[in-house]
Amino acid sequence: MTEISSEELKIKRSPSKVFDFLSDLRNYENLMPASEVSDFKASNDKAELSLKGLGAFSITIEDSQKDQRIKLKPKGKLPFSFDIEWIIQPNGDDSSVVGKINAELNMFMKMMAEPKLRSFVDSQAHKLKTYLEQEIA
């Protein structure tokens, strides 16, 4: 299993606020890289999208621990198995957040996919910080 983590970011919002945002899959449209994603449709607990290089798939919440972590599981015809996990930790009145992708990559796929996956999860983490800090509480 290959673990790819985003930079740890401090977000000026409570862990509860971050968790609630990440628990609603409709909010992920704000985190997706527009140039890589198309056909994004979501409800509170399921998102469907097409991602350049991976094709069309859906995402559901596989597991969560209130105000601490959320694990998302993609389903569909994908070239490799992976999940996305958000770790939320209190940092005073704020939060520290890390996005992680856990992927089953063989050596060839790892060389090709790891840089794109790292860029994807880093981009999502930075967009999460920007979106939540700009939002009026």
C-alpha atoms as a PDB file:
ATOM      1  CA  MET A   1       0.000   0.000   0.000  1.00  0.00           C
ATOM      2  CA  THR A   2       1.328   3.425  -0.963  1.00  0.00           C
ATOM      3  CA  GLU A   3       0.385   6.303   1.335  1.00  0.00           C
ATOM      4  CA  ILE A   4       0.436   9.764  -0.226  1.00  0.00           C
ATOM      5  CA  SER A   5      -0.136  12.653   2.176  1.00  0.00           C
ATOM      6  CA  SER A   6      -0.844  16.300   1.621  1.00  0.00           C
ATOM      7  CA  GLU A   7       0.971  19.009   3.452  1.00  0.00           C
ATOM      8  CA  GLU A   8      -0.454  19.460   6.976  1.00  0.00           C
ATOM      9  CA  LEU A   9      -2.421  22.696   6.949  1.00  0.00           C
ATOM     10  CA  LYS A  10      -3.718  24.822   9.799  1.00  0.00           C
ATOM     11  CA  ILE A  11      -7.287  25.927   9.071  1.00  0.00           C
ATOM     12  CA  LYS A  12      -8.905  28.725  11.037  1.00  0.00           C
ATOM     13  CA  ARG A  13     -12.038  26.704  11.736  1.00  0.00           C
ATOM     14  CA  SER A  14     -12.996  24.249  14.486  1.00  0.00           C
ATOM     15  CA  PRO A  15     -12.559  20.493  13.908  1.00  0.00           C
ATOM     16  CA  SER A  16     -16.363  20.259  13.996  1.00  0.00           C
ATOM     17  CA  LYS A  17     -16.740  22.811  11.168  1.00  0.00           C
ATOM     18  CA  VAL A  18     -14.088  21.038   9.042  1.00  0.00           C
ATOM     19  CA  PHE A  19     -15.638  17.621   9.711  1.00  0.00           C
ATOM     20  CA  ASP A  20     -19.154  18.828   8.844  1.00  0.00           C
ATOM     21  CA  PHE A  21     -17.894  20.332   5.563  1.00  0.00           C
ATOM     22  CA  LEU A  22     -16.019  17.155   4.561  1.00  0.00           C
ATOM     23  CA  SER A  23     -18.952  14.929   5.574  1.00  0.00           C
ATOM     24  CA  ASP A  24     -21.200  16.459   2.909  1.00  0.00           C
ATOM     25  CA  LEU A  25     -19.976  15.167  -0.453  1.00  0.00           C
ATOM     26  CA  ARG A  26     -21.704  18.033  -2.275  1.00  0.00           C
ATOM     27  CA  ASN A  27     -18.933  20.267  -0.877  1.00  0.00           C
ATOM     28  CA  TYR A  28     -16.210  18.364  -2.742  1.00  0.00           C
ATOM     29  CA  GLU A  29     -17.102  20.174  -5.951  1.00  0.00           C
ATOM     30  CA  ASN A  30     -15.372  23.202  -4.362  1.00  0.00           C
ATOM     31  CA  LEU A  31     -12.212  21.122  -3.798  1.00  0.00           C
ATOM     32  CA  MET A  32     -11.853  19.495  -7.202  1.00  0.00           C
ATOM     33  CA  PRO A  33      -9.285  20.728  -9.727  1.00  0.00           C
ATOM     34  CA  ALA A  34     -11.526  22.099 -12.496  1.00  0.00           C
ATOM     35  CA  SER A  35      -9.093  21.141 -15.270  1.00  0.00           C
ATOM     36  CA  GLU A  36      -9.044  17.482 -14.120  1.00  0.00           C
ATOM     37  CA  VAL A  37     -12.684  16.845 -13.152  1.00  0.00           C
ATOM     38  CA  SER A  38     -15.869  16.764 -15.204  1.00  0.00           C
ATOM     39  CA  ASP A  39     -19.451  15.612 -14.744  1.00  0.00           C
ATOM     40  CA  PHE A  40     -19.441  16.194 -10.966  1.00  0.00           C
ATOM     41  CA  LYS A  41     -22.809  15.319  -9.385  1.00  0.00           C
ATOM     42  CA  ALA A  42     -23.324  14.815  -5.668  1.00  0.00           C
ATOM     43  CA  SER A  43     -25.776  14.269  -2.874  1.00  0.00           C
ATOM     44  CA  ASN A  44     -24.949  14.475   0.809  1.00  0.00           C
ATOM     45  CA  ASP A  45     -23.514  10.922   0.905  1.00  0.00           C
ATOM     46  CA  LYS A  46     -22.481  10.090  -2.687  1.00  0.00           C
ATOM     47  CA  ALA A  47     -20.554  11.859  -5.437  1.00  0.00           C
ATOM     48  CA  GLU A  48     -20.125  10.845  -9.067  1.00  0.00           C
ATOM     49  CA  LEU A  49     -17.426  12.313 -11.260  1.00  0.00           C
ATOM     50  CA  SER A  50     -14.985  11.775 -14.091  1.00  0.00           C
ATOM     51  CA  LEU A  51     -11.334  12.388 -13.343  1.00  0.00           C
ATOM     52  CA  LYS A  52      -8.820  12.778 -16.151  1.00  0.00           C
ATOM     53  CA  GLY A  53      -6.676   9.628 -16.256  1.00  0.00           C
ATOM     54  CA  LEU A  54      -9.029   7.567 -14.049  1.00  0.00           C
ATOM     55  CA  GLY A  55     -12.380   7.764 -15.807  1.00  0.00           C
ATOM     56  CA  ALA A  56     -15.845   7.865 -14.241  1.00  0.00           C
ATOM     57  CA  PHE A  57     -16.460   6.606 -10.708  1.00  0.00           C
ATOM     58  CA  SER A  58     -18.432   7.316  -7.555  1.00  0.00           C
ATOM     59  CA  ILE A  59     -17.305   8.143  -4.017  1.00  0.00           C
ATOM     60  CA  THR A  60     -19.055   7.328  -0.751  1.00  0.00           C
ATOM     61  CA  ILE A  61     -18.076   7.775   2.891  1.00  0.00           C
ATOM     62  CA  GLU A  62     -16.725   4.428   4.050  1.00  0.00           C
ATOM     63  CA  ASP A  63     -15.921   5.337   7.644  1.00  0.00           C
ATOM     64  CA  SER A  64     -15.757   8.371   9.910  1.00  0.00           C
ATOM     65  CA  GLN A  65     -15.001   9.397  13.449  1.00  0.00           C
ATOM     66  CA  LYS A  66     -16.808  12.611  14.467  1.00  0.00           C
ATOM     67  CA  ASP A  67     -14.563  15.693  14.242  1.00  0.00           C
ATOM     68  CA  GLN A  68     -11.426  13.524  13.714  1.00  0.00           C
ATOM     69  CA  ARG A  69     -11.396  11.622  10.424  1.00  0.00           C
ATOM     70  CA  ILE A  70     -13.348  10.790   7.285  1.00  0.00           C
ATOM     71  CA  LYS A  71     -12.513   7.968   4.893  1.00  0.00           C
ATOM     72  CA  LEU A  72     -13.895   8.085   1.348  1.00  0.00           C
ATOM     73  CA  LYS A  73     -14.020   5.038  -0.905  1.00  0.00           C
ATOM     74  CA  PRO A  74     -14.170   5.351  -4.708  1.00  0.00           C
ATOM     75  CA  LYS A  75     -16.136   2.681  -6.585  1.00  0.00           C
ATOM     76  CA  GLY A  76     -16.172   1.907 -10.270  1.00  0.00           C
ATOM     77  CA  LYS A  77     -13.833   0.719 -13.014  1.00  0.00           C
ATOM     78  CA  LEU A  78     -10.550   2.122 -11.745  1.00  0.00           C
ATOM     79  CA  PRO A  79      -7.012   1.153 -12.778  1.00  0.00           C
ATOM     80  CA  PHE A  80      -6.098   0.640  -9.090  1.00  0.00           C
ATOM     81  CA  SER A  81      -7.773   0.508  -5.703  1.00  0.00           C
ATOM     82  CA  PHE A  82      -7.510   3.531  -3.399  1.00  0.00           C
ATOM     83  CA  ASP A  83      -9.227   5.495  -0.660  1.00  0.00           C
ATOM     84  CA  ILE A  84      -9.015   9.091   0.505  1.00  0.00           C
ATOM     85  CA  GLU A  85      -8.764   9.900   4.189  1.00  0.00           C
ATOM     86  CA  TRP A  86      -8.952  13.258   5.946  1.00  0.00           C
ATOM     87  CA  ILE A  87      -7.336  13.500   9.385  1.00  0.00           C
ATOM     88  CA  ILE A  88      -8.545  16.443  11.494  1.00  0.00           C
ATOM     89  CA  GLN A  89      -6.807  17.434  14.721  1.00  0.00           C
ATOM     90  CA  PRO A  90      -7.592  20.305  17.096  1.00  0.00           C
ATOM     91  CA  ASN A  91      -5.034  23.106  17.084  1.00  0.00           C
ATOM     92  CA  GLY A  92      -6.258  25.572  19.726  1.00  0.00           C
ATOM     93  CA  ASP A  93      -9.555  26.938  18.378  1.00  0.00           C
ATOM     94  CA  ASP A  94      -8.457  25.940  14.878  1.00  0.00           C
ATOM     95  CA  SER A  95      -7.720  22.638  13.116  1.00  0.00           C
ATOM     96  CA  SER A  96      -4.760  20.890  11.540  1.00  0.00           C
ATOM     97  CA  VAL A  97      -5.799  18.865   8.505  1.00  0.00           C
ATOM     98  CA  VAL A  98      -3.989  16.281   6.381  1.00  0.00           C
ATOM     99  CA  GLY A  99      -5.415  14.562   3.309  1.00  0.00           C
ATOM    100  CA  LYS A 100      -4.142  11.048   2.574  1.00  0.00           C
ATOM    101  CA  ILE A 101      -4.542   8.764  -0.405  1.00  0.00           C
ATOM    102  CA  ASN A 102      -3.912   5.086   0.285  1.00  0.00           C
ATOM    103  CA  ALA A 103      -3.415   3.345  -3.051  1.00  0.00           C
ATOM    104  CA  GLU A 104      -2.560  -0.167  -4.159  1.00  0.00           C
ATOM    105  CA  LEU A 105       0.033   0.642  -6.813  1.00  0.00           C
ATOM    106  CA  ASN A 106       2.489  -1.685  -8.474  1.00  0.00           C
ATOM    107  CA  MET A 107       5.932  -0.205  -9.206  1.00  0.00           C
ATOM    108  CA  PHE A 108       4.991   0.885 -12.732  1.00  0.00           C
ATOM    109  CA  MET A 109       1.726   2.519 -11.629  1.00  0.00           C
ATOM    110  CA  LYS A 110       3.486   4.117  -8.670  1.00  0.00           C
ATOM    111  CA  MET A 111       5.968   5.899 -10.946  1.00  0.00           C
ATOM    112  CA  MET A 112       3.156   7.202 -13.153  1.00  0.00           C
ATOM    113  CA  ALA A 113       0.382   7.867 -10.632  1.00  0.00           C
ATOM    114  CA  GLU A 114       2.091   8.995  -7.426  1.00  0.00           C
ATOM    115  CA  PRO A 115       3.026  12.527  -8.595  1.00  0.00           C
ATOM    116  CA  LYS A 116      -0.523  13.137  -9.914  1.00  0.00           C
ATOM    117  CA  LEU A 117      -2.113  11.759  -6.749  1.00  0.00           C
ATOM    118  CA  ARG A 118       0.166  13.905  -4.544  1.00  0.00           C
ATOM    119  CA  SER A 119      -0.730  16.989  -6.577  1.00  0.00           C
ATOM    120  CA  PHE A 120      -4.439  16.085  -6.370  1.00  0.00           C
ATOM    121  CA  VAL A 121      -4.528  15.652  -2.567  1.00  0.00           C
ATOM    122  CA  ASP A 122      -2.352  18.744  -1.980  1.00  0.00           C
ATOM    123  CA  SER A 123      -4.632  20.794  -4.211  1.00  0.00           C
ATOM    124  CA  GLN A 124      -7.714  19.578  -2.348  1.00  0.00           C
ATOM    125  CA  ALA A 125      -6.169  20.394   1.050  1.00  0.00           C
ATOM    126  CA  HIS A 126      -5.232  23.930  -0.035  1.00  0.00           C
ATOM    127  CA  LYS A 127      -8.673  24.512  -1.561  1.00  0.00           C
ATOM    128  CA  LEU A 128     -10.262  23.254   1.674  1.00  0.00           C
ATOM    129  CA  LYS A 129      -8.260  25.792   3.693  1.00  0.00           C
ATOM    130  CA  THR A 130      -9.025  28.648   1.286  1.00  0.00           C
ATOM    131  CA  TYR A 131     -12.725  27.819   1.025  1.00  0.00           C
ATOM    132  CA  LEU A 132     -13.346  27.411   4.764  1.00  0.00           C
ATOM    133  CA  GLU A 133     -11.352  30.483   5.743  1.00  0.00           C
ATOM    134  CA  GLN A 134     -13.135  32.686   3.176  1.00  0.00           C
ATOM    135  CA  GLU A 135     -16.574  31.368   4.057  1.00  0.00           C
ATOM    136  CA  ILE A 136     -18.629  33.531   6.411  1.00  0.00           C
ATOM    137  CA  ALA A 137     -19.158  31.424   9.543  1.00  0.00           C
END
